[in-house]
Amino acid sequence: MVRPEDTSRVGGPRHYLMCRPTHFAVEYAINPWMDPAVGVDRARAIRQWEGLRELYRSLGHRVSEIEPIEGLPDMVFAANGALVVEGRVYGARFAGAERTPEGPAYLDWFRQAGYTEIKEPKHVNEGEGDFITLDDVILAGTGFRTEAAAHQEAERLLDRPVVTLQLIDPRFYHLDTALFALSGDRVAYYPGAFSEGSRRVLRALYPDALLATEEDAAVLGLNAVCDGENVVIAAEAEALADRLRALGYTVHPVELDELRKAGGGAKCCTLELRDTPLD
């Protein structure tokens, strides 16, 4: 586990891209969390999302917003829209037809924002949903949404090693539902979401990782955002939050249960823009 005296954690302002859930709904089922028969309180989803946005701002982070598009109820999950490293943008190509138009919409935002190094993907990938960036490596998930070939495509574009991890539990259909970065070189994850081979890889790479329980993973407690000092985490993941506090992190529980009806949490709503060209 991360030791309290560890000095590798570096906080500081981040830049996030978010999308207001103006058109949020559960109209189809593309993961085990989604049930169109369950009603969605859109006004409540918006309030919860606004609370997350304002929390980021209160922590000193910058939040940019992409305009939501009618007919794309999952566009609120901005993390799936791209992967951005050192100002280079690797676009998303969604696995399901329901979300396919989101890929071009997010790339249009990046073009209008002044990004010049933009890669339209050849292979299916769902952005930061399946790519988690650490200081020297990018961890990449496959098994449900993102093709392994996309890992190689991202590695070539971003000039950074990419490590493939196999997801095996459909509840954790994206890597960001099963693992998050605590700092530049430390992670927290739920072992049961991964194949035995990938668990061996994770143990070798991160012997001091924080291992979450199934109970915390089952409320999307690992769909969290950490700036190196602060952790924004699902309010229901109380045991994981306590362990993070014991390790010296400042924990900010957030209620996002309305958005969780579509399988999303804090991280799903948050695309980190690293070294952006924006003023």
C-alpha atoms as a PDB file:
ATOM      1  CA  MET A   1       0.000   0.000   0.000  1.00  0.00           C
ATOM      2  CA  VAL A   2       0.994   3.624  -0.390  1.00  0.00           C
ATOM      3  CA  ARG A   3       2.986   4.751   2.626  1.00  0.00           C
ATOM      4  CA  PRO A   4       2.074   8.043   4.321  1.00  0.00           C
ATOM      5  CA  GLU A   5       5.673   9.253   4.047  1.00  0.00           C
ATOM      6  CA  ASP A   6       5.725   8.741   0.270  1.00  0.00           C
ATOM      7  CA  THR A   7       6.771  12.007  -1.358  1.00  0.00           C
ATOM      8  CA  SER A   8       6.005  11.020  -4.953  1.00  0.00           C
ATOM      9  CA  ARG A   9       2.432  12.291  -4.719  1.00  0.00           C
ATOM     10  CA  VAL A  10       2.307  15.748  -6.210  1.00  0.00           C
ATOM     11  CA  GLY A  11      -0.924  17.697  -6.176  1.00  0.00           C
ATOM     12  CA  GLY A  12      -1.668  20.836  -8.105  1.00  0.00           C
ATOM     13  CA  PRO A  13      -4.182  22.269 -10.548  1.00  0.00           C
ATOM     14  CA  ARG A  14      -5.498  19.988 -13.244  1.00  0.00           C
ATOM     15  CA  HIS A  15      -7.570  20.738 -16.308  1.00  0.00           C
ATOM     16  CA  TYR A  16     -10.688  18.659 -16.857  1.00  0.00           C
ATOM     17  CA  LEU A  17     -13.220  18.428 -19.669  1.00  0.00           C
ATOM     18  CA  MET A  18     -16.797  17.682 -18.656  1.00  0.00           C
ATOM     19  CA  CYS A  19     -20.212  17.455 -20.329  1.00  0.00           C
ATOM     20  CA  ARG A  20     -23.402  18.528 -18.591  1.00  0.00           C
ATOM     21  CA  PRO A  21     -25.972  15.678 -18.468  1.00  0.00           C
ATOM     22  CA  THR A  22     -28.651  17.785 -20.136  1.00  0.00           C
ATOM     23  CA  HIS A  23     -29.872  14.805 -22.166  1.00  0.00           C
ATOM     24  CA  PHE A  24     -28.939  12.036 -19.735  1.00  0.00           C
ATOM     25  CA  ALA A  25     -31.160   8.947 -19.846  1.00  0.00           C
ATOM     26  CA  VAL A  26     -30.935   5.186 -19.813  1.00  0.00           C
ATOM     27  CA  GLU A  27     -32.508   4.282 -23.135  1.00  0.00           C
ATOM     28  CA  TYR A  28     -30.508   1.140 -23.943  1.00  0.00           C
ATOM     29  CA  ALA A  29     -28.339  -1.417 -22.128  1.00  0.00           C
ATOM     30  CA  ILE A  30     -24.688  -1.702 -23.154  1.00  0.00           C
ATOM     31  CA  ASN A  31     -23.325  -2.671 -19.744  1.00  0.00           C
ATOM     32  CA  PRO A  32     -24.731  -4.587 -16.735  1.00  0.00           C
ATOM     33  CA  TRP A  33     -25.500  -1.374 -14.847  1.00  0.00           C
ATOM     34  CA  MET A  34     -28.005  -0.131 -17.413  1.00  0.00           C
ATOM     35  CA  ASP A  35     -31.701  -1.019 -17.283  1.00  0.00           C
ATOM     36  CA  PRO A  36     -34.049   1.103 -19.414  1.00  0.00           C
ATOM     37  CA  ALA A  37     -36.943  -0.009 -17.179  1.00  0.00           C
ATOM     38  CA  VAL A  38     -35.415   1.887 -14.252  1.00  0.00           C
ATOM     39  CA  GLY A  39     -36.425   5.512 -14.213  1.00  0.00           C
ATOM     40  CA  VAL A  40     -33.856   8.315 -14.322  1.00  0.00           C
ATOM     41  CA  ASP A  41     -34.251  11.595 -12.472  1.00  0.00           C
ATOM     42  CA  ARG A  42     -32.456  13.883 -14.901  1.00  0.00           C
ATOM     43  CA  ALA A  43     -32.741  16.953 -12.690  1.00  0.00           C
ATOM     44  CA  ARG A  44     -31.087  15.045  -9.866  1.00  0.00           C
ATOM     45  CA  ALA A  45     -28.367  13.808 -12.209  1.00  0.00           C
ATOM     46  CA  ILE A  46     -27.668  17.395 -13.213  1.00  0.00           C
ATOM     47  CA  ARG A  47     -27.482  18.514  -9.573  1.00  0.00           C
ATOM     48  CA  GLN A  48     -25.052  15.720  -8.754  1.00  0.00           C
ATOM     49  CA  TRP A  49     -22.925  16.524 -11.797  1.00  0.00           C
ATOM     50  CA  GLU A  50     -22.881  20.217 -10.920  1.00  0.00           C
ATOM     51  CA  GLY A  51     -21.734  19.287  -7.424  1.00  0.00           C
ATOM     52  CA  LEU A  52     -18.818  17.346  -8.913  1.00  0.00           C
ATOM     53  CA  ARG A  53     -17.879  20.244 -11.188  1.00  0.00           C
ATOM     54  CA  GLU A  54     -17.961  22.739  -8.340  1.00  0.00           C
ATOM     55  CA  LEU A  55     -15.891  20.429  -6.150  1.00  0.00           C
ATOM     56  CA  TYR A  56     -13.163  20.382  -8.803  1.00  0.00           C
ATOM     57  CA  ARG A  57     -13.216  24.157  -8.981  1.00  0.00           C
ATOM     58  CA  SER A  58     -13.037  24.451  -5.196  1.00  0.00           C
ATOM     59  CA  LEU A  59      -9.911  22.281  -5.273  1.00  0.00           C
ATOM     60  CA  GLY A  60      -8.292  24.714  -7.691  1.00  0.00           C
ATOM     61  CA  HIS A  61      -8.817  22.735 -10.870  1.00  0.00           C
ATOM     62  CA  ARG A  62      -9.932  24.177 -14.179  1.00  0.00           C
ATOM     63  CA  VAL A  63     -13.056  22.776 -15.817  1.00  0.00           C
ATOM     64  CA  SER A  64     -13.874  23.209 -19.495  1.00  0.00           C
ATOM     65  CA  GLU A  65     -17.190  22.009 -20.887  1.00  0.00           C
ATOM     66  CA  ILE A  66     -18.268  20.476 -24.158  1.00  0.00           C
ATOM     67  CA  GLU A  67     -21.785  21.215 -25.348  1.00  0.00           C
ATOM     68  CA  PRO A  68     -24.094  18.208 -24.857  1.00  0.00           C
ATOM     69  CA  ILE A  69     -25.851  16.885 -27.946  1.00  0.00           C
ATOM     70  CA  GLU A  70     -29.448  15.768 -27.946  1.00  0.00           C
ATOM     71  CA  GLY A  71     -29.770  12.069 -28.684  1.00  0.00           C
ATOM     72  CA  LEU A  72     -26.462  11.198 -26.989  1.00  0.00           C
ATOM     73  CA  PRO A  73     -27.520  10.415 -23.411  1.00  0.00           C
ATOM     74  CA  ASP A  74     -24.106   9.006 -22.426  1.00  0.00           C
ATOM     75  CA  MET A  75     -22.117  12.017 -23.605  1.00  0.00           C
ATOM     76  CA  VAL A  76     -21.894  13.084 -19.948  1.00  0.00           C
ATOM     77  CA  PHE A  77     -19.217  10.421 -19.566  1.00  0.00           C
ATOM     78  CA  ALA A  78     -16.494  12.643 -20.982  1.00  0.00           C
ATOM     79  CA  ALA A  79     -13.651  10.325 -19.985  1.00  0.00           C
ATOM     80  CA  ASN A  80     -14.622   8.071 -22.877  1.00  0.00           C
ATOM     81  CA  GLY A  81     -14.226  10.836 -25.452  1.00  0.00           C
ATOM     82  CA  ALA A  82     -10.441  10.776 -25.903  1.00  0.00           C
ATOM     83  CA  LEU A  83      -7.019  10.303 -24.345  1.00  0.00           C
ATOM     84  CA  VAL A  84      -4.840  13.409 -24.030  1.00  0.00           C
ATOM     85  CA  VAL A  85      -1.134  13.226 -23.165  1.00  0.00           C
ATOM     86  CA  GLU A  86       1.327  16.114 -23.628  1.00  0.00           C
ATOM     87  CA  GLY A  87      -1.185  17.916 -25.786  1.00  0.00           C
ATOM     88  CA  ARG A  88      -1.592  14.980 -28.168  1.00  0.00           C
ATOM     89  CA  VAL A  89      -5.150  13.766 -28.621  1.00  0.00           C
ATOM     90  CA  TYR A  90      -5.990  10.139 -29.365  1.00  0.00           C
ATOM     91  CA  GLY A  91      -9.653  10.084 -30.305  1.00  0.00           C
ATOM     92  CA  ALA A  92     -12.306   7.541 -29.373  1.00  0.00           C
ATOM     93  CA  ARG A  93     -14.057   5.047 -31.593  1.00  0.00           C
ATOM     94  CA  PHE A  94     -16.910   3.555 -29.630  1.00  0.00           C
ATOM     95  CA  ALA A  95     -17.766  -0.127 -29.574  1.00  0.00           C
ATOM     96  CA  GLY A  96     -21.529   0.409 -29.603  1.00  0.00           C
ATOM     97  CA  ALA A  97     -23.529   2.127 -32.325  1.00  0.00           C
ATOM     98  CA  GLU A  98     -25.453   4.036 -29.663  1.00  0.00           C
ATOM     99  CA  ARG A  99     -22.372   6.041 -28.712  1.00  0.00           C
ATOM    100  CA  THR A 100     -20.559   6.169 -32.060  1.00  0.00           C
ATOM    101  CA  PRO A 101     -21.393   9.860 -32.770  1.00  0.00           C
ATOM    102  CA  GLU A 102     -19.666  10.902 -29.549  1.00  0.00           C
ATOM    103  CA  GLY A 103     -16.222  10.233 -31.013  1.00  0.00           C
ATOM    104  CA  PRO A 104     -16.437  12.880 -33.772  1.00  0.00           C
ATOM    105  CA  ALA A 105     -18.181  15.309 -31.399  1.00  0.00           C
ATOM    106  CA  TYR A 106     -15.298  15.211 -28.936  1.00  0.00           C
ATOM    107  CA  LEU A 107     -12.682  15.503 -31.695  1.00  0.00           C
ATOM    108  CA  ASP A 108     -14.498  18.563 -33.038  1.00  0.00           C
ATOM    109  CA  TRP A 109     -14.221  20.149 -29.591  1.00  0.00           C
ATOM    110  CA  PHE A 110     -10.461  19.536 -29.531  1.00  0.00           C
ATOM    111  CA  ARG A 111     -10.013  21.036 -32.997  1.00  0.00           C
ATOM    112  CA  GLN A 112     -11.993  24.121 -32.048  1.00  0.00           C
ATOM    113  CA  ALA A 113      -9.979  24.419 -28.834  1.00  0.00           C
ATOM    114  CA  GLY A 114      -6.755  24.678 -30.805  1.00  0.00           C
ATOM    115  CA  TYR A 115      -5.252  21.214 -30.535  1.00  0.00           C
ATOM    116  CA  THR A 116      -3.167  20.318 -33.583  1.00  0.00           C
ATOM    117  CA  GLU A 117      -1.862  16.824 -32.804  1.00  0.00           C
ATOM    118  CA  ILE A 118      -5.065  14.837 -33.162  1.00  0.00           C
ATOM    119  CA  LYS A 119      -5.298  11.187 -34.158  1.00  0.00           C
ATOM    120  CA  GLU A 120      -8.536   9.740 -35.482  1.00  0.00           C
ATOM    121  CA  PRO A 121      -8.370   6.111 -34.369  1.00  0.00           C
ATOM    122  CA  LYS A 122      -8.481   3.116 -36.652  1.00  0.00           C
ATOM    123  CA  HIS A 123      -9.254   0.759 -33.785  1.00  0.00           C
ATOM    124  CA  VAL A 124     -12.108   0.631 -31.303  1.00  0.00           C
ATOM    125  CA  ASN A 125     -11.260   2.367 -28.046  1.00  0.00           C
ATOM    126  CA  GLU A 126     -13.184   4.351 -25.472  1.00  0.00           C
ATOM    127  CA  GLY A 127     -10.671   6.933 -24.370  1.00  0.00           C
ATOM    128  CA  GLU A 128      -9.736   7.280 -20.739  1.00  0.00           C
ATOM    129  CA  GLY A 129     -12.359   4.689 -19.933  1.00  0.00           C
ATOM    130  CA  ASP A 130      -9.724   2.125 -20.877  1.00  0.00           C
ATOM    131  CA  PHE A 131      -6.511   4.180 -20.691  1.00  0.00           C
ATOM    132  CA  ILE A 132      -5.046   5.327 -17.382  1.00  0.00           C
ATOM    133  CA  THR A 133      -1.975   7.553 -17.591  1.00  0.00           C
ATOM    134  CA  LEU A 134       0.779   7.442 -15.001  1.00  0.00           C
ATOM    135  CA  ASP A 135       4.156   9.188 -15.014  1.00  0.00           C
ATOM    136  CA  ASP A 136       6.032   6.732 -17.224  1.00  0.00           C
ATOM    137  CA  VAL A 137       3.427   4.317 -18.536  1.00  0.00           C
ATOM    138  CA  ILE A 138      -0.158   4.070 -19.705  1.00  0.00           C
ATOM    139  CA  LEU A 139      -2.236   1.181 -18.412  1.00  0.00           C
ATOM    140  CA  ALA A 140      -4.777  -0.001 -20.980  1.00  0.00           C
ATOM    141  CA  GLY A 141      -7.805  -2.240 -20.559  1.00  0.00           C
ATOM    142  CA  THR A 142      -9.314  -4.687 -23.017  1.00  0.00           C
ATOM    143  CA  GLY A 143     -11.885  -7.440 -22.877  1.00  0.00           C
ATOM    144  CA  PHE A 144     -15.172  -5.611 -23.293  1.00  0.00           C
ATOM    145  CA  ARG A 145     -14.870  -2.291 -25.127  1.00  0.00           C
ATOM    146  CA  THR A 146     -11.365  -1.385 -26.286  1.00  0.00           C
ATOM    147  CA  GLU A 147      -9.469  -3.525 -28.790  1.00  0.00           C
ATOM    148  CA  ALA A 148      -5.919  -4.508 -27.873  1.00  0.00           C
ATOM    149  CA  ALA A 149      -4.796  -3.146 -31.241  1.00  0.00           C
ATOM    150  CA  ALA A 150      -5.813   0.306 -30.015  1.00  0.00           C
ATOM    151  CA  HIS A 151      -3.212   0.003 -27.267  1.00  0.00           C
ATOM    152  CA  GLN A 152      -0.486  -0.253 -29.893  1.00  0.00           C
ATOM    153  CA  GLU A 153      -2.001   2.614 -31.861  1.00  0.00           C
ATOM    154  CA  ALA A 154      -1.984   4.829 -28.764  1.00  0.00           C
ATOM    155  CA  GLU A 155       1.576   3.847 -27.919  1.00  0.00           C
ATOM    156  CA  ARG A 156       2.801   4.912 -31.361  1.00  0.00           C
ATOM    157  CA  LEU A 157       1.023   8.259 -31.202  1.00  0.00           C
ATOM    158  CA  LEU A 158       1.856   9.167 -27.615  1.00  0.00           C
ATOM    159  CA  ASP A 159       5.404   7.789 -27.575  1.00  0.00           C
ATOM    160  CA  ARG A 160       4.855   6.231 -24.183  1.00  0.00           C
ATOM    161  CA  PRO A 161       4.793   2.536 -23.213  1.00  0.00           C
ATOM    162  CA  VAL A 162       1.341   1.008 -22.939  1.00  0.00           C
ATOM    163  CA  VAL A 163       0.689  -2.041 -20.748  1.00  0.00           C
ATOM    164  CA  THR A 164      -2.295  -4.213 -21.691  1.00  0.00           C
ATOM    165  CA  LEU A 165      -4.564  -5.503 -18.924  1.00  0.00           C
ATOM    166  CA  GLN A 166      -7.374  -8.014 -19.495  1.00  0.00           C
ATOM    167  CA  LEU A 167     -10.736  -7.307 -17.857  1.00  0.00           C
ATOM    168  CA  ILE A 168     -12.895 -10.352 -17.132  1.00  0.00           C
ATOM    169  CA  ASP A 169     -15.878  -9.169 -15.045  1.00  0.00           C
ATOM    170  CA  PRO A 170     -18.587  -7.473 -17.154  1.00  0.00           C
ATOM    171  CA  ARG A 171     -19.518  -5.195 -14.240  1.00  0.00           C
ATOM    172  CA  PHE A 172     -16.117  -3.600 -14.723  1.00  0.00           C
ATOM    173  CA  TYR A 173     -16.345  -3.132 -18.451  1.00  0.00           C
ATOM    174  CA  HIS A 174     -13.853  -0.246 -18.533  1.00  0.00           C
ATOM    175  CA  LEU A 175     -10.471  -0.109 -16.841  1.00  0.00           C
ATOM    176  CA  ASP A 176     -11.499   3.050 -14.985  1.00  0.00           C
ATOM    177  CA  THR A 177     -14.194   1.108 -13.139  1.00  0.00           C
ATOM    178  CA  ALA A 178     -11.588  -1.252 -11.663  1.00  0.00           C
ATOM    179  CA  LEU A 179      -8.416   0.819 -11.207  1.00  0.00           C
ATOM    180  CA  PHE A 180      -7.376   4.417 -10.639  1.00  0.00           C
ATOM    181  CA  ALA A 181      -4.097   6.254 -10.304  1.00  0.00           C
ATOM    182  CA  LEU A 182      -3.308   7.534  -6.831  1.00  0.00           C
ATOM    183  CA  SER A 183      -0.275   9.451  -8.024  1.00  0.00           C
ATOM    184  CA  GLY A 184       2.308   9.407 -10.766  1.00  0.00           C
ATOM    185  CA  ASP A 185       3.399   5.846 -10.065  1.00  0.00           C
ATOM    186  CA  ARG A 186       0.886   4.303  -7.645  1.00  0.00           C
ATOM    187  CA  VAL A 187      -2.540   2.771  -8.152  1.00  0.00           C
ATOM    188  CA  ALA A 188      -5.555   1.318  -6.403  1.00  0.00           C
ATOM    189  CA  TYR A 189      -7.430  -1.560  -8.007  1.00  0.00           C
ATOM    190  CA  TYR A 190      -9.845  -4.462  -7.503  1.00  0.00           C
ATOM    191  CA  PRO A 191      -8.016  -7.721  -8.346  1.00  0.00           C
ATOM    192  CA  GLY A 192     -11.172  -9.654  -9.190  1.00  0.00           C
ATOM    193  CA  ALA A 193     -11.773  -7.504 -12.255  1.00  0.00           C
ATOM    194  CA  PHE A 194      -8.631  -8.819 -13.971  1.00  0.00           C
ATOM    195  CA  SER A 195      -7.385 -12.047 -15.480  1.00  0.00           C
ATOM    196  CA  GLU A 196      -4.779 -13.983 -13.519  1.00  0.00           C
ATOM    197  CA  GLY A 197      -2.083 -12.936 -15.964  1.00  0.00           C
ATOM    198  CA  SER A 198      -2.994  -9.264 -15.577  1.00  0.00           C
ATOM    199  CA  ARG A 199      -3.050  -9.613 -11.803  1.00  0.00           C
ATOM    200  CA  ARG A 200       0.521 -10.875 -12.005  1.00  0.00           C
ATOM    201  CA  VAL A 201       1.484  -7.883 -14.123  1.00  0.00           C
ATOM    202  CA  LEU A 202      -0.111  -5.487 -11.653  1.00  0.00           C
ATOM    203  CA  ARG A 203       1.578  -7.138  -8.683  1.00  0.00           C
ATOM    204  CA  ALA A 204       4.941  -6.845 -10.409  1.00  0.00           C
ATOM    205  CA  LEU A 205       4.459  -3.224 -11.444  1.00  0.00           C
ATOM    206  CA  TYR A 206       2.750  -2.003  -8.267  1.00  0.00           C
ATOM    207  CA  PRO A 207       3.699  -4.131  -5.261  1.00  0.00           C
ATOM    208  CA  ASP A 208       2.501  -1.330  -2.955  1.00  0.00           C
ATOM    209  CA  ALA A 209      -0.889  -0.892  -4.625  1.00  0.00           C
ATOM    210  CA  LEU A 210      -4.012  -0.337  -2.585  1.00  0.00           C
ATOM    211  CA  LEU A 211      -6.231  -3.388  -3.150  1.00  0.00           C
ATOM    212  CA  ALA A 212      -9.942  -2.627  -3.031  1.00  0.00           C
ATOM    213  CA  THR A 213     -12.651  -5.044  -1.954  1.00  0.00           C
ATOM    214  CA  GLU A 214     -15.493  -6.234  -4.145  1.00  0.00           C
ATOM    215  CA  GLU A 215     -17.893  -4.234  -1.965  1.00  0.00           C
ATOM    216  CA  ASP A 216     -16.137  -0.981  -2.785  1.00  0.00           C
ATOM    217  CA  ALA A 217     -15.753  -1.891  -6.450  1.00  0.00           C
ATOM    218  CA  ALA A 218     -19.448  -2.767  -6.688  1.00  0.00           C
ATOM    219  CA  VAL A 219     -20.436   0.852  -5.967  1.00  0.00           C
ATOM    220  CA  LEU A 220     -17.896   2.116  -8.520  1.00  0.00           C
ATOM    221  CA  GLY A 221     -15.586   3.199  -5.733  1.00  0.00           C
ATOM    222  CA  LEU A 222     -12.635   2.783  -8.086  1.00  0.00           C
ATOM    223  CA  ASN A 223     -14.141   5.141 -10.639  1.00  0.00           C
ATOM    224  CA  ALA A 224     -12.341   7.857  -8.723  1.00  0.00           C
ATOM    225  CA  VAL A 225     -10.219  10.912  -9.503  1.00  0.00           C
ATOM    226  CA  CYS A 226      -6.983  11.712  -7.666  1.00  0.00           C
ATOM    227  CA  ASP A 227      -4.834  14.807  -8.128  1.00  0.00           C
ATOM    228  CA  GLY A 228      -2.043  13.408  -5.979  1.00  0.00           C
ATOM    229  CA  GLU A 229      -3.442  14.777  -2.729  1.00  0.00           C
ATOM    230  CA  ASN A 230      -7.226  14.783  -3.050  1.00  0.00           C
ATOM    231  CA  VAL A 231      -9.366  11.784  -3.976  1.00  0.00           C
ATOM    232  CA  VAL A 232     -12.883  12.301  -5.328  1.00  0.00           C
ATOM    233  CA  ILE A 233     -14.736   9.063  -4.745  1.00  0.00           C
ATOM    234  CA  ALA A 234     -18.230   7.561  -4.623  1.00  0.00           C
ATOM    235  CA  ALA A 235     -19.865   8.326  -1.287  1.00  0.00           C
ATOM    236  CA  GLU A 236     -20.880   4.694  -0.864  1.00  0.00           C
ATOM    237  CA  ALA A 237     -17.265   3.432  -0.948  1.00  0.00           C
ATOM    238  CA  GLU A 238     -16.798   4.149   2.736  1.00  0.00           C
ATOM    239  CA  ALA A 239     -14.251   1.455   3.571  1.00  0.00           C
ATOM    240  CA  LEU A 240     -12.017   2.437   0.664  1.00  0.00           C
ATOM    241  CA  ALA A 241     -12.327   6.094   1.652  1.00  0.00           C
ATOM    242  CA  ASP A 242     -11.223   5.280   5.200  1.00  0.00           C
ATOM    243  CA  ARG A 243      -8.165   3.424   3.927  1.00  0.00           C
ATOM    244  CA  LEU A 244      -7.242   6.336   1.689  1.00  0.00           C
ATOM    245  CA  ARG A 245      -7.519   8.747   4.606  1.00  0.00           C
ATOM    246  CA  ALA A 246      -5.253   6.502   6.659  1.00  0.00           C
ATOM    247  CA  LEU A 247      -2.686   6.787   3.881  1.00  0.00           C
ATOM    248  CA  GLY A 248      -2.703  10.561   4.071  1.00  0.00           C
ATOM    249  CA  TYR A 249      -5.079  11.484   1.252  1.00  0.00           C
ATOM    250  CA  THR A 250      -7.852  14.050   1.591  1.00  0.00           C
ATOM    251  CA  VAL A 251     -11.020  12.251   0.539  1.00  0.00           C
ATOM    252  CA  HIS A 252     -14.039  13.966  -1.000  1.00  0.00           C
ATOM    253  CA  PRO A 253     -17.075  11.657  -1.181  1.00  0.00           C
ATOM    254  CA  VAL A 254     -19.566  12.554  -3.908  1.00  0.00           C
ATOM    255  CA  GLU A 255     -23.067  11.295  -4.585  1.00  0.00           C
ATOM    256  CA  LEU A 256     -23.445  10.265  -8.210  1.00  0.00           C
ATOM    257  CA  ASP A 257     -25.872   7.380  -7.847  1.00  0.00           C
ATOM    258  CA  GLU A 258     -28.188   8.765 -10.534  1.00  0.00           C
ATOM    259  CA  LEU A 259     -25.396   8.627 -13.107  1.00  0.00           C
ATOM    260  CA  ARG A 260     -24.373   5.216 -11.793  1.00  0.00           C
ATOM    261  CA  LYS A 261     -27.613   3.897 -13.315  1.00  0.00           C
ATOM    262  CA  ALA A 262     -25.710   4.089 -16.611  1.00  0.00           C
ATOM    263  CA  GLY A 263     -22.519   2.638 -15.146  1.00  0.00           C
ATOM    264  CA  GLY A 264     -20.661   5.884 -14.523  1.00  0.00           C
ATOM    265  CA  GLY A 265     -19.054   7.701 -11.621  1.00  0.00           C
ATOM    266  CA  ALA A 266     -16.708  10.597 -10.968  1.00  0.00           C
ATOM    267  CA  LYS A 267     -13.965   9.463 -13.323  1.00  0.00           C
ATOM    268  CA  CYS A 268     -16.388   8.639 -16.117  1.00  0.00           C
ATOM    269  CA  CYS A 269     -17.524  12.263 -16.005  1.00  0.00           C
ATOM    270  CA  THR A 270     -13.969  13.607 -16.113  1.00  0.00           C
ATOM    271  CA  LEU A 271     -11.514  13.718 -19.021  1.00  0.00           C
ATOM    272  CA  GLU A 272      -8.118  15.039 -17.965  1.00  0.00           C
ATOM    273  CA  LEU A 273      -6.465  17.415 -20.421  1.00  0.00           C
ATOM    274  CA  ARG A 274      -2.703  17.126 -19.986  1.00  0.00           C
ATOM    275  CA  ASP A 275      -0.528  20.006 -21.218  1.00  0.00           C
ATOM    276  CA  THR A 276      -3.271  21.624 -23.220  1.00  0.00           C
ATOM    277  CA  PRO A 277      -2.825  24.541 -25.622  1.00  0.00           C
ATOM    278  CA  LEU A 278      -5.689  26.453 -24.030  1.00  0.00           C
ATOM    279  CA  ASP A 279      -4.993  29.763 -22.335  1.00  0.00           C
END
